[in-house]
Protein backbone atom coordinates (compact mmCIF):
# COMPACT_ATOMS: atom_id res chain seq x y z
CA MET A 1 0.00 0.00 0.00
CA LYS A 2 1.26 3.45 -0.91
CA ILE A 3 0.20 6.53 1.01
CA GLY A 4 0.97 10.21 0.71
CA ILE A 5 2.84 12.46 3.11
CA LEU A 6 2.24 16.20 3.49
CA SER A 7 3.62 18.79 5.85
CA ASP A 8 3.71 22.53 6.31
CA THR A 9 0.82 23.41 4.01
CA HIS A 10 0.39 26.81 5.75
CA ASP A 11 -2.99 27.68 4.18
CA ASN A 12 -1.67 27.62 0.61
CA ILE A 13 -4.87 26.32 -0.97
CA THR A 14 -3.46 26.42 -4.52
CA ASN A 15 -0.55 24.17 -3.59
CA ILE A 16 -2.70 21.95 -1.38
CA ASN A 17 -4.94 21.30 -4.39
CA ARG A 18 -1.89 20.62 -6.57
CA ALA A 19 -0.59 18.04 -4.08
CA LEU A 20 -3.98 16.37 -3.67
CA ASP A 21 -4.53 16.26 -7.43
CA TRP A 22 -1.12 14.59 -7.84
CA PHE A 23 -2.05 12.00 -5.20
CA LYS A 24 -5.42 11.41 -6.89
CA ASP A 25 -3.73 10.92 -10.28
CA LYS A 26 -1.48 8.26 -8.71
CA GLY A 27 -4.36 6.44 -7.02
CA ILE A 28 -3.42 7.52 -3.51
CA SER A 29 -6.45 8.14 -1.30
CA PHE A 30 -4.88 8.30 2.18
CA PHE A 31 -2.16 10.58 3.49
CA ILE A 32 -0.37 11.57 6.69
CA HIS A 33 0.05 15.26 7.51
CA ALA A 34 2.91 16.28 9.82
CA GLY A 35 1.42 19.60 10.92
CA ASP A 36 1.19 23.32 10.24
CA TYR A 37 -2.16 23.37 8.45
CA ILE A 38 -2.80 26.82 10.04
CA ALA A 39 -6.55 27.53 9.59
CA PRO A 40 -9.51 25.15 9.45
CA PHE A 41 -10.61 26.32 5.98
CA SER A 42 -7.45 24.83 4.49
CA LEU A 43 -8.74 21.31 5.29
CA ARG A 44 -11.83 21.53 3.06
CA PRO A 45 -10.04 20.33 -0.12
CA TYR A 46 -9.11 17.09 1.66
CA PHE A 47 -12.76 16.15 2.03
CA ASP A 48 -13.98 17.80 -1.18
CA LYS A 49 -11.57 15.58 -3.14
CA GLY A 50 -12.49 12.42 -1.18
CA PHE A 51 -9.30 11.87 0.82
CA ASP A 52 -8.84 10.23 4.17
CA PHE A 53 -5.95 11.35 6.35
CA ILE A 54 -4.47 11.47 9.80
CA GLY A 55 -2.13 14.08 11.21
CA VAL A 56 -0.69 16.06 14.08
CA PHE A 57 -0.62 19.70 15.05
CA GLY A 58 2.37 21.84 14.16
CA ASN A 59 3.81 24.81 16.01
CA ASN A 60 1.80 27.31 13.91
CA ASP A 61 -1.63 25.70 14.28
CA GLY A 62 -3.39 28.22 16.49
CA GLU A 63 -7.03 27.34 15.93
CA LYS A 64 -6.79 23.76 17.17
CA GLU A 65 -10.42 23.36 18.18
CA GLY A 66 -11.58 24.39 14.70
CA LEU A 67 -9.02 22.13 13.05
CA VAL A 68 -10.19 19.12 15.08
CA LYS A 69 -13.83 19.88 14.26
CA ILE A 70 -13.31 20.33 10.51
CA SER A 71 -10.96 17.30 10.38
CA ARG A 72 -13.60 15.13 12.06
CA GLY A 73 -11.14 14.24 14.83
CA LYS A 74 -8.28 13.21 12.55
CA ILE A 75 -5.69 15.68 13.92
CA PHE A 76 -3.89 14.86 17.18
CA SER A 77 -1.31 16.35 19.49
CA PRO A 78 2.17 15.05 18.72
CA PRO A 79 3.66 12.59 19.24
CA TYR A 80 0.94 10.36 17.79
CA LEU A 81 1.57 6.63 17.33
CA PHE A 82 -0.75 4.44 15.26
CA ASN A 83 -0.67 1.22 13.26
CA LEU A 84 -1.39 0.99 9.54
CA CYS A 85 -0.93 -2.19 7.50
CA LYS A 86 0.91 -3.81 10.42
CA ARG A 87 3.40 -0.92 10.59
CA ASP A 88 3.84 1.25 13.67
CA ILE A 89 3.99 4.86 12.52
CA LEU A 90 4.91 7.79 14.76
CA ILE A 91 3.88 11.27 13.60
CA VAL A 92 5.48 14.40 15.07
CA HIS A 93 5.83 17.90 13.74
CA ASP A 94 9.29 18.58 15.13
CA LEU A 95 11.73 15.70 15.66
CA SER A 96 12.39 17.03 19.17
CA GLN A 97 8.88 15.76 20.01
CA THR A 98 10.21 12.22 19.61
CA LYS A 99 10.94 11.68 23.29
CA SER A 100 11.29 7.93 23.46
CA ASP A 101 13.33 5.26 21.75
CA THR A 102 12.13 4.78 18.17
CA SER A 103 13.95 1.49 17.49
CA ASN A 104 10.69 -0.50 17.72
CA ILE A 105 8.83 1.88 15.39
CA SER A 106 8.82 1.20 11.65
CA ILE A 107 8.36 4.78 10.43
CA VAL A 108 8.63 8.30 11.86
CA ILE A 109 6.92 11.07 9.87
CA PHE A 110 7.93 14.65 10.70
CA GLY A 111 7.96 18.17 9.28
CA HIS A 112 8.77 21.64 10.69
CA THR A 113 12.06 22.28 8.88
CA HIS A 114 10.40 22.65 5.45
CA LYS A 115 13.34 20.65 4.05
CA PRO A 116 12.66 17.24 2.49
CA GLN A 117 14.63 14.48 4.14
CA ILE A 118 14.66 10.68 4.23
CA PHE A 119 17.01 8.69 6.41
CA ARG A 120 17.24 5.53 8.46
CA LYS A 121 18.31 5.19 12.06
CA ASP A 122 18.70 1.55 12.93
CA LYS A 123 15.62 -0.11 11.40
CA THR A 124 13.41 3.01 11.56
CA LEU A 125 12.64 5.05 8.44
CA PHE A 126 12.40 8.81 9.03
CA VAL A 127 10.56 10.94 6.44
CA ASN A 128 10.10 14.70 6.19
CA SER A 129 8.25 15.52 2.97
CA GLY A 130 9.33 19.18 3.09
CA GLU A 131 6.78 21.92 2.48
CA VAL A 132 3.66 22.10 0.37
CA CYS A 133 3.28 25.85 0.91
CA GLY A 134 6.50 26.80 -0.87
CA TRP A 135 6.91 29.87 1.36
CA LEU A 136 10.42 29.14 2.70
CA THR A 137 12.14 27.11 0.00
CA GLY A 138 10.20 28.07 -3.10
CA ARG A 139 9.63 24.35 -3.68
CA ILE A 140 6.45 22.28 -3.41
CA THR A 141 7.39 18.84 -2.12
CA ILE A 142 5.36 15.84 -1.01
CA GLY A 143 6.22 12.30 0.00
CA ILE A 144 5.14 8.85 -1.07
CA LEU A 145 5.47 6.02 1.43
CA ASP A 146 5.44 2.37 0.40
CA LEU A 147 4.24 0.53 3.50
CA GLU A 148 5.14 -2.93 2.17
CA ARG A 149 8.78 -2.10 1.50
CA ILE A 150 9.11 0.59 4.16
CA GLU A 151 10.59 2.95 1.58
CA ALA A 152 9.80 6.55 0.75
CA GLU A 153 10.48 9.07 -1.95
CA ILE A 154 10.19 12.83 -2.21
CA ILE A 155 8.32 14.28 -5.17
CA GLU A 156 8.85 17.87 -6.24
CA LEU A 157 5.79 19.33 -7.93
CA ASN A 158 6.79 21.78 -10.64
CA PHE A 159 3.98 23.77 -12.22
């Protein structure tokens, strides 16, 4: 199963739609968001386009109650650990929120730096998809995670 990874969308509806359309074209219907949505209105395209997702709050998400309501309870305080396709996945916004040993976790999804990054530490795969907003780097990047192989790739969307 392949899923999408988003982070740091920062209310950029145009780029959010670009990322979601790319996922849709590739047959991806579920994604993980590593935080910094900003305002609740920015979540509407997720549901309008028929996506399911799960995510955590970032350091710039001020209207948390509204985000939880619009997301239908799919956004959590980090760190958030869940299981998908027999893989333990930890979602944080900032890697400093990873307080415990991650050696028994298959995948750690994070954001915050706006810089795409994939690395392994022991048997754990760490993935930061970068930023969808494009505000800091001028790049729109997303991630694709293959849950069977526990491999990821960063996709740069050029429009």
